[in-house]
PDB file of N, CA and C in Angstrom:
ATOM      1  N   MET A   1      50.072-178.634-219.952  1.00  0.00           N
ATOM      2  CA  MET A   1      50.597-177.563-219.303  1.00  0.00           C
ATOM      3  C   MET A   1      51.834-178.073-218.663  1.00  0.00           C
ATOM      4  N   ALA A   2      52.097-179.307-217.998  1.00  0.00           N
ATOM      5  CA  ALA A   2      53.303-179.647-217.362  1.00  0.00           C
ATOM      6  C   ALA A   2      54.391-179.867-218.533  1.00  0.00           C
ATOM      7  N   THR A   3      54.020-180.203-219.650  1.00  0.00           N
ATOM      8  CA  THR A   3      54.865-180.385-220.654  1.00  0.00           C
ATOM      9  C   THR A   3      55.689-179.106-221.087  1.00  0.00           C
ATOM     10  N   VAL A   4      54.706-178.089-221.293  1.00  0.00           N
ATOM     11  CA  VAL A   4      55.347-176.851-221.744  1.00  0.00           C
ATOM     12  C   VAL A   4      56.124-176.072-220.563  1.00  0.00           C
ATOM     13  N   MET A   5      55.631-176.300-219.327  1.00  0.00           N
ATOM     14  CA  MET A   5      56.333-175.843-218.196  1.00  0.00           C
ATOM     15  C   MET A   5      57.719-176.505-218.055  1.00  0.00           C
ATOM     16  N   GLY A   6      57.619-177.972-218.402  1.00  0.00           N
ATOM     17  CA  GLY A   6      59.073-178.526-218.261  1.00  0.00           C
ATOM     18  C   GLY A   6      60.006-178.103-219.295  1.00  0.00           C
ATOM     19  N   ILE A   7      59.477-177.795-220.556  1.00  0.00           N
ATOM     20  CA  ILE A   7      60.212-177.232-221.656  1.00  0.00           C
ATOM     21  C   ILE A   7      60.822-175.995-221.206  1.00  0.00           C
ATOM     22  N   LEU A   8      60.148-175.186-220.626  1.00  0.00           N
ATOM     23  CA  LEU A   8      60.671-173.783-220.121  1.00  0.00           C
ATOM     24  C   LEU A   8      61.690-174.001-218.962  1.00  0.00           C
ATOM     25  N   ALA A   9      61.411-174.826-218.170  1.00  0.00           N
ATOM     26  CA  ALA A   9      62.399-175.269-217.044  1.00  0.00           C
ATOM     27  C   ALA A   9      63.526-175.733-217.465  1.00  0.00           C
ATOM     28  N   ARG A  10      63.657-176.654-218.432  1.00  0.00           N
ATOM     29  CA  ARG A  10      64.900-177.177-219.006  1.00  0.00           C
ATOM     30  C   ARG A  10      65.563-175.968-219.625  1.00  0.00           C
ATOM     31  N   ARG A  11      65.043-175.239-220.555  1.00  0.00           N
ATOM     32  CA  ARG A  11      65.545-174.122-221.089  1.00  0.00           C
ATOM     33  C   ARG A  11      66.389-173.153-220.269  1.00  0.00           C
ATOM     34  N   HIS A  12      65.679-172.851-219.048  1.00  0.00           N
ATOM     35  CA  HIS A  12      66.287-171.964-218.169  1.00  0.00           C
ATOM     36  C   HIS A  12      66.885-172.563-216.955  1.00  0.00           C
ATOM     37  N   GLY A  13      66.962-173.792-216.893  1.00  0.00           N
ATOM     38  CA  GLY A  13      67.646-174.430-215.587  1.00  0.00           C
ATOM     39  C   GLY A  13      66.733-174.501-214.429  1.00  0.00           C
ATOM     40  N   TYR A  14      65.578-174.365-214.426  1.00  0.00           N
ATOM     41  CA  TYR A  14      64.747-174.463-213.319  1.00  0.00           C
ATOM     42  C   TYR A  14      64.358-176.042-213.043  1.00  0.00           C
ATOM     43  N   ALA A  15      64.305-176.219-211.672  1.00  0.00           N
ATOM     44  CA  ALA A  15      63.939-177.470-211.240  1.00  0.00           C
ATOM     45  C   ALA A  15      62.660-177.736-210.840  1.00  0.00           C
ATOM     46  N   LEU A  16      61.805-178.421-211.674  1.00  0.00           N
ATOM     47  CA  LEU A  16      60.379-178.691-211.386  1.00  0.00           C
ATOM     48  C   LEU A  16      60.054-180.079-211.174  1.00  0.00           C
ATOM     49  N   GLU A  17      61.145-180.891-210.816  1.00  0.00           N
ATOM     50  CA  GLU A  17      60.864-182.324-210.452  1.00  0.00           C
ATOM     51  C   GLU A  17      59.969-182.463-209.390  1.00  0.00           C
ATOM     52  N   GLY A  18      58.935-183.430-209.441  1.00  0.00           N
ATOM     53  CA  GLY A  18      58.087-183.744-208.512  1.00  0.00           C
ATOM     54  C   GLY A  18      56.730-182.904-208.540  1.00  0.00           C
ATOM     55  N   THR A  19      56.595-182.126-209.602  1.00  0.00           N
ATOM     56  CA  THR A  19      55.467-181.263-209.807  1.00  0.00           C
ATOM     57  C   THR A  19      54.189-182.356-210.138  1.00  0.00           C
ATOM     58  N   ARG A  20      53.151-182.081-209.470  1.00  0.00           N
ATOM     59  CA  ARG A  20      51.820-182.923-209.712  1.00  0.00           C
ATOM     60  C   ARG A  20      50.818-182.124-210.339  1.00  0.00           C
ATOM     61  N   VAL A  21      50.025-182.684-211.374  1.00  0.00           N
ATOM     62  CA  VAL A  21      48.944-181.911-211.895  1.00  0.00           C
ATOM     63  C   VAL A  21      47.780-182.806-211.583  1.00  0.00           C
ATOM     64  N   HIS A  22      46.690-182.181-211.195  1.00  0.00           N
ATOM     65  CA  HIS A  22      45.317-182.716-210.909  1.00  0.00           C
ATOM     66  C   HIS A  22      44.191-182.021-211.770  1.00  0.00           C
ATOM     67  N   VAL A  23      43.524-182.687-212.564  1.00  0.00           N
ATOM     68  CA  VAL A  23      42.497-182.138-213.328  1.00  0.00           C
ATOM     69  C   VAL A  23      40.995-182.727-212.845  1.00  0.00           C
ATOM     70  N   LYS A  24      40.157-181.951-212.526  1.00  0.00           N
ATOM     71  CA  LYS A  24      38.757-182.448-212.209  1.00  0.00           C
ATOM     72  C   LYS A  24      37.857-181.825-213.248  1.00  0.00           C
ATOM     73  N   LYS A  25      37.116-182.847-213.835  1.00  0.00           N
ATOM     74  CA  LYS A  25      36.242-182.546-214.950  1.00  0.00           C
ATOM     75  C   LYS A  25      34.798-182.458-214.397  1.00  0.00           C
ATOM     76  N   LYS A  26      34.042-181.374-214.657  1.00  0.00           N
ATOM     77  CA  LYS A  26      32.742-181.163-214.433  1.00  0.00           C
ATOM     78  C   LYS A  26      31.919-181.125-215.724  1.00  0.00           C
ATOM     79  N   MET A  27      30.766-181.850-215.768  1.00  0.00           N
ATOM     80  CA  MET A  27      30.021-181.973-216.942  1.00  0.00           C
ATOM     81  C   MET A  27      28.754-181.050-216.688  1.00  0.00           C
ATOM     82  N   THR A  28      28.107-180.796-217.854  1.00  0.00           N
ATOM     83  CA  THR A  28      26.869-179.959-217.817  1.00  0.00           C
ATOM     84  C   THR A  28      25.688-181.000-217.523  1.00  0.00           C
ATOM     85  N   ALA A  29      24.721-180.664-216.986  1.00  0.00           N
ATOM     86  CA  ALA A  29      23.552-181.409-216.474  1.00  0.00           C
ATOM     87  C   ALA A  29      22.657-181.676-217.736  1.00  0.00           C
ATOM     88  N   GLU A  30      22.463-180.599-218.625  1.00  0.00           N
ATOM     89  CA  GLU A  30      21.517-180.699-219.698  1.00  0.00           C
ATOM     90  C   GLU A  30      22.074-181.687-220.900  1.00  0.00           C
ATOM     91  N   LYS A  31      21.240-182.163-221.642  1.00  0.00           N
ATOM     92  CA  LYS A  31      21.532-182.942-222.988  1.00  0.00           C
ATOM     93  C   LYS A  31      21.743-182.079-224.113  1.00  0.00           C
ATOM     94  N   PRO A  32      22.645-182.324-225.021  1.00  0.00           N
ATOM     95  CA  PRO A  32      23.635-183.226-224.821  1.00  0.00           C
ATOM     96  C   PRO A  32      24.709-182.916-223.783  1.00  0.00           C
ATOM     97  N   ARG A  33      25.135-183.871-222.991  1.00  0.00           N
ATOM     98  CA  ARG A  33      26.111-183.616-221.944  1.00  0.00           C
ATOM     99  C   ARG A  33      27.472-183.241-222.615  1.00  0.00           C
ATOM    100  N   ARG A  34      28.069-182.194-222.012  1.00  0.00           N
ATOM    101  CA  ARG A  34      29.349-181.737-222.472  1.00  0.00           C
ATOM    102  C   ARG A  34      30.195-181.562-221.275  1.00  0.00           C
ATOM    103  N   ILE A  35      31.504-181.331-221.520  1.00  0.00           N
ATOM    104  CA  ILE A  35      32.340-180.757-220.591  1.00  0.00           C
ATOM    105  C   ILE A  35      32.049-179.344-220.223  1.00  0.00           C
ATOM    106  N   ALA A  36      31.913-178.965-219.020  1.00  0.00           N
ATOM    107  CA  ALA A  36      31.670-177.532-218.642  1.00  0.00           C
ATOM    108  C   ALA A  36      32.954-176.998-218.086  1.00  0.00           C
ATOM    109  N   GLU A  37      33.632-177.828-217.392  1.00  0.00           N
ATOM    110  CA  GLU A  37      34.868-177.216-216.670  1.00  0.00           C
ATOM    111  C   GLU A  37      35.965-178.192-216.450  1.00  0.00           C
ATOM    112  N   LEU A  38      37.162-177.832-216.759  1.00  0.00           N
ATOM    113  CA  LEU A  38      38.349-178.671-216.358  1.00  0.00           C
ATOM    114  C   LEU A  38      39.101-177.846-215.518  1.00  0.00           C
ATOM    115  N   ALA A  39      38.908-178.062-214.023  1.00  0.00           N
ATOM    116  CA  ALA A  39      39.638-177.472-213.047  1.00  0.00           C
ATOM    117  C   ALA A  39      40.963-178.027-212.880  1.00  0.00           C
ATOM    118  N   VAL A  40      41.987-177.245-213.040  1.00  0.00           N
ATOM    119  CA  VAL A  40      43.561-177.706-212.943  1.00  0.00           C
ATOM    120  C   VAL A  40      44.127-177.190-211.711  1.00  0.00           C
ATOM    121  N   GLU A  41      44.779-178.173-210.862  1.00  0.00           N
ATOM    122  CA  GLU A  41      45.609-177.849-209.793  1.00  0.00           C
ATOM    123  C   GLU A  41      47.010-178.316-210.111  1.00  0.00           C
ATOM    124  N   ILE A  42      47.913-177.387-209.971  1.00  0.00           N
ATOM    125  CA  ILE A  42      49.415-177.806-210.213  1.00  0.00           C
ATOM    126  C   ILE A  42      50.144-177.472-208.866  1.00  0.00           C
ATOM    127  N   THR A  43      50.665-178.628-208.387  1.00  0.00           N
ATOM    128  CA  THR A  43      51.303-178.545-207.048  1.00  0.00           C
ATOM    129  C   THR A  43      52.871-178.756-207.383  1.00  0.00           C
ATOM    130  N   LEU A  44      53.616-177.653-206.915  1.00  0.00           N
ATOM    131  CA  LEU A  44      55.014-177.734-207.095  1.00  0.00           C
ATOM    132  C   LEU A  44      55.724-178.012-205.801  1.00  0.00           C
ATOM    133  N   PRO A  45      56.457-179.011-205.468  1.00  0.00           N
ATOM    134  CA  PRO A  45      57.056-179.211-204.236  1.00  0.00           C
ATOM    135  C   PRO A  45      58.051-178.274-203.799  1.00  0.00           C
ATOM    136  N   LYS A  46      58.419-178.277-202.631  1.00  0.00           N
ATOM    137  CA  LYS A  46      59.427-177.212-202.057  1.00  0.00           C
ATOM    138  C   LYS A  46      60.686-177.267-202.903  1.00  0.00           C
ATOM    139  N   SER A  47      61.072-178.455-203.232  1.00  0.00           N
ATOM    140  CA  SER A  47      62.368-178.698-203.939  1.00  0.00           C
ATOM    141  C   SER A  47      62.198-178.100-205.436  1.00  0.00           C
ATOM    142  N   ALA A  48      60.960-177.775-205.823  1.00  0.00           N
ATOM    143  CA  ALA A  48      60.785-177.144-207.090  1.00  0.00           C
ATOM    144  C   ALA A  48      60.573-175.778-207.078  1.00  0.00           C
ATOM    145  N   THR A  49      60.316-175.185-205.940  1.00  0.00           N
ATOM    146  CA  THR A  49      59.952-173.947-205.586  1.00  0.00           C
ATOM    147  C   THR A  49      61.068-172.867-206.349  1.00  0.00           C
ATOM    148  N   LEU A  50      60.683-171.990-207.146  1.00  0.00           N
ATOM    149  CA  LEU A  50      61.604-170.987-207.686  1.00  0.00           C
ATOM    150  C   LEU A  50      61.703-169.781-206.756  1.00  0.00           C
ATOM    151  N   SER A  51      62.662-169.348-206.403  1.00  0.00           N
ATOM    152  CA  SER A  51      62.804-168.234-205.408  1.00  0.00           C
ATOM    153  C   SER A  51      62.544-166.705-206.026  1.00  0.00           C
ATOM    154  N   VAL A  52      62.822-166.848-207.405  1.00  0.00           N
ATOM    155  CA  VAL A  52      62.806-165.403-208.036  1.00  0.00           C
ATOM    156  C   VAL A  52      61.291-165.344-208.670  1.00  0.00           C
ATOM    157  N   ALA A  53      60.740-164.268-208.192  1.00  0.00           N
ATOM    158  CA  ALA A  53      59.091-164.037-208.518  1.00  0.00           C
ATOM    159  C   ALA A  53      58.979-164.148-210.049  1.00  0.00           C
ATOM    160  N   ASP A  54      59.997-163.585-210.828  1.00  0.00           N
ATOM    161  CA  ASP A  54      59.883-163.600-212.280  1.00  0.00           C
ATOM    162  C   ASP A  54      59.843-164.955-212.853  1.00  0.00           C
ATOM    163  N   ALA A  55      60.630-165.821-212.291  1.00  0.00           N
ATOM    164  CA  ALA A  55      60.769-167.209-212.621  1.00  0.00           C
ATOM    165  C   ALA A  55      59.329-167.959-212.415  1.00  0.00           C
ATOM    166  N   ARG A  56      58.784-167.630-211.339  1.00  0.00           N
ATOM    167  CA  ARG A  56      57.478-168.292-210.925  1.00  0.00           C
ATOM    168  C   ARG A  56      56.424-167.640-211.954  1.00  0.00           C
ATOM    169  N   ALA A  57      56.369-166.496-212.184  1.00  0.00           N
ATOM    170  CA  ALA A  57      55.563-165.856-213.237  1.00  0.00           C
ATOM    171  C   ALA A  57      55.620-166.421-214.559  1.00  0.00           C
ATOM    172  N   ALA A  58      56.939-166.675-214.888  1.00  0.00           N
ATOM    173  CA  ALA A  58      57.195-167.217-216.323  1.00  0.00           C
ATOM    174  C   ALA A  58      56.625-168.622-216.389  1.00  0.00           C
ATOM    175  N   VAL A  59      56.838-169.480-215.326  1.00  0.00           N
ATOM    176  CA  VAL A  59      56.369-170.911-215.361  1.00  0.00           C
ATOM    177  C   VAL A  59      54.742-170.851-215.485  1.00  0.00           C
ATOM    178  N   GLU A  60      54.145-169.985-214.670  1.00  0.00           N
ATOM    179  CA  GLU A  60      52.585-169.756-214.593  1.00  0.00           C
ATOM    180  C   GLU A  60      52.089-169.426-215.895  1.00  0.00           C
ATOM    181  N   ARG A  61      52.785-168.441-216.534  1.00  0.00           N
ATOM    182  CA  ARG A  61      52.431-167.831-217.767  1.00  0.00           C
ATOM    183  C   ARG A  61      52.468-169.011-218.944  1.00  0.00           C
ATOM    184  N   GLU A  62      53.600-169.743-218.780  1.00  0.00           N
ATOM    185  CA  GLU A  62      53.692-170.766-219.811  1.00  0.00           C
ATOM    186  C   GLU A  62      52.592-171.706-219.672  1.00  0.00           C
ATOM    187  N   ALA A  63      52.216-172.144-218.504  1.00  0.00           N
ATOM    188  CA  ALA A  63      50.983-173.128-218.270  1.00  0.00           C
ATOM    189  C   ALA A  63      49.688-172.485-218.922  1.00  0.00           C
ATOM    190  N   HIS A  64      49.525-171.271-218.698  1.00  0.00           N
ATOM    191  CA  HIS A  64      48.261-170.589-219.209  1.00  0.00           C
ATOM    192  C   HIS A  64      48.200-170.403-220.604  1.00  0.00           C
ATOM    193  N   GLU A  65      49.515-170.442-221.322  1.00  0.00           N
ATOM    194  CA  GLU A  65      49.531-170.243-222.800  1.00  0.00           C
ATOM    195  C   GLU A  65      49.833-171.621-223.447  1.00  0.00           C
ATOM    196  N   CYS A  66      49.499-172.632-222.610  1.00  0.00           N
ATOM    197  CA  CYS A  66      49.572-174.056-223.215  1.00  0.00           C
ATOM    198  C   CYS A  66      48.807-174.270-224.534  1.00  0.00           C
ATOM    199  N   PRO A  67      49.340-174.709-225.642  1.00  0.00           N
ATOM    200  CA  PRO A  67      48.685-174.764-226.886  1.00  0.00           C
ATOM    201  C   PRO A  67      47.395-175.755-226.843  1.00  0.00           C
ATOM    202  N   VAL A  68      47.448-176.823-226.059  1.00  0.00           N
ATOM    203  CA  VAL A  68      46.229-177.625-225.729  1.00  0.00           C
ATOM    204  C   VAL A  68      45.204-176.842-225.102  1.00  0.00           C
ATOM    205  N   ARG A  69      45.550-176.153-224.041  1.00  0.00           N
ATOM    206  CA  ARG A  69      44.578-175.382-223.317  1.00  0.00           C
ATOM    207  C   ARG A  69      43.993-174.355-224.326  1.00  0.00           C
ATOM    208  N   LEU A  70      44.727-173.595-225.088  1.00  0.00           N
ATOM    209  CA  LEU A  70      44.232-172.573-226.042  1.00  0.00           C
ATOM    210  C   LEU A  70      43.433-173.181-227.115  1.00  0.00           C
ATOM    211  N   SER A  71      43.504-174.505-227.479  1.00  0.00           N
ATOM    212  CA  SER A  71      42.839-175.116-228.402  1.00  0.00           C
ATOM    213  C   SER A  71      41.384-175.528-227.884  1.00  0.00           C
ATOM    214  N   LEU A  72      41.077-175.548-226.660  1.00  0.00           N
ATOM    215  CA  LEU A  72      39.745-175.823-226.173  1.00  0.00           C
ATOM    216  C   LEU A  72      38.787-174.844-226.424  1.00  0.00           C
ATOM    217  N   LEU A  73      37.611-175.073-226.625  1.00  0.00           N
ATOM    218  CA  LEU A  73      36.462-174.155-226.727  1.00  0.00           C
ATOM    219  C   LEU A  73      36.345-173.253-225.490  1.00  0.00           C
ATOM    220  N   ASP A  74      35.937-172.036-225.955  1.00  0.00           N
ATOM    221  CA  ASP A  74      35.794-170.941-224.762  1.00  0.00           C
ATOM    222  C   ASP A  74      34.692-171.391-223.902  1.00  0.00           C
ATOM    223  N   ALA A  75      33.739-172.332-224.319  1.00  0.00           N
ATOM    224  CA  ALA A  75      32.595-172.760-223.497  1.00  0.00           C
ATOM    225  C   ALA A  75      33.136-173.616-222.330  1.00  0.00           C
ATOM    226  N   ILE A  76      34.300-174.153-222.368  1.00  0.00           N
ATOM    227  CA  ILE A  76      34.844-174.876-221.333  1.00  0.00           C
ATOM    228  C   ILE A  76      35.747-173.942-220.493  1.00  0.00           C
ATOM    229  N   CYS A  77      35.320-173.867-219.225  1.00  0.00           N
ATOM    230  CA  CYS A  77      36.016-173.150-218.218  1.00  0.00           C
ATOM    231  C   CYS A  77      37.276-173.856-217.835  1.00  0.00           C
ATOM    232  N   VAL A  78      38.431-173.230-217.748  1.00  0.00           N
ATOM    233  CA  VAL A  78      39.636-173.908-217.197  1.00  0.00           C
ATOM    234  C   VAL A  78      40.314-173.021-216.228  1.00  0.00           C
ATOM    235  N   PRO A  79      39.859-173.139-214.954  1.00  0.00           N
ATOM    236  CA  PRO A  79      40.581-172.510-213.900  1.00  0.00           C
ATOM    237  C   PRO A  79      41.955-173.255-213.505  1.00  0.00           C
ATOM    238  N   VAL A  80      42.940-172.644-213.321  1.00  0.00           N
ATOM    239  CA  VAL A  80      44.246-173.107-212.955  1.00  0.00           C
ATOM    240  C   VAL A  80      44.698-172.481-211.547  1.00  0.00           C
ATOM    241  N   ARG A  81      44.931-173.456-210.712  1.00  0.00           N
ATOM    242  CA  ARG A  81      45.615-172.959-209.393  1.00  0.00           C
ATOM    243  C   ARG A  81      46.817-173.559-209.318  1.00  0.00           C
ATOM    244  N   PHE A  82      47.659-172.702-208.864  1.00  0.00           N
ATOM    245  CA  PHE A  82      49.200-173.193-208.657  1.00  0.00           C
ATOM    246  C   PHE A  82      49.365-173.120-207.066  1.00  0.00           C
ATOM    247  N   ASP A  83      49.871-174.281-206.552  1.00  0.00           N
ATOM    248  CA  ASP A  83      50.293-174.476-205.244  1.00  0.00           C
ATOM    249  C   ASP A  83      51.659-174.638-205.032  1.00  0.00           C
ATOM    250  N   TRP A  84      52.398-173.679-204.809  1.00  0.00           N
ATOM    251  CA  TRP A  84      53.802-173.534-204.667  1.00  0.00           C
ATOM    252  C   TRP A  84      54.140-174.023-203.130  1.00  0.00           C
ATOM    253  N   GLN A  85      54.473-175.165-202.864  1.00  0.00           N
ATOM    254  CA  GLN A  85      54.667-175.833-201.511  1.00  0.00           C
ATOM    255  C   GLN A  85      55.820-175.097-200.860  1.00  0.00           C
ATOM    256  N   THR A  86      55.711-174.738-199.573  1.00  0.00           N
ATOM    257  CA  THR A  86      56.805-174.116-198.861  1.00  0.00           C
ATOM    258  C   THR A  86      57.371-174.929-197.733  1.00  0.00           C
ATOM    259  N   ASP A  87      56.539-175.961-197.304  1.00  0.00           N
ATOM    260  CA  ASP A  87      56.801-176.753-196.126  1.00  0.00           C
ATOM    261  C   ASP A  87      57.389-178.207-196.698  1.00  0.00           C
TER     262      ASP A  87
END
């Protein structure tokens, strides 16, 4: 997700330096154990905050359309939360 967001940012001159991505994996309890969820939190620092709502929407859309994300089975839940820092 960060890679495709960075490609979009470079193409449009957005500054996303300092962005952090945290993924928390949750496994199923029953056997065979499998990944049930990959919860993603993307934190964008104030210096990376885009003031134009359309630019923010474009960055978020790019993350959701990440080819790796789209390659995962539908059985794996991938909630994504964006934390646009303001302080």
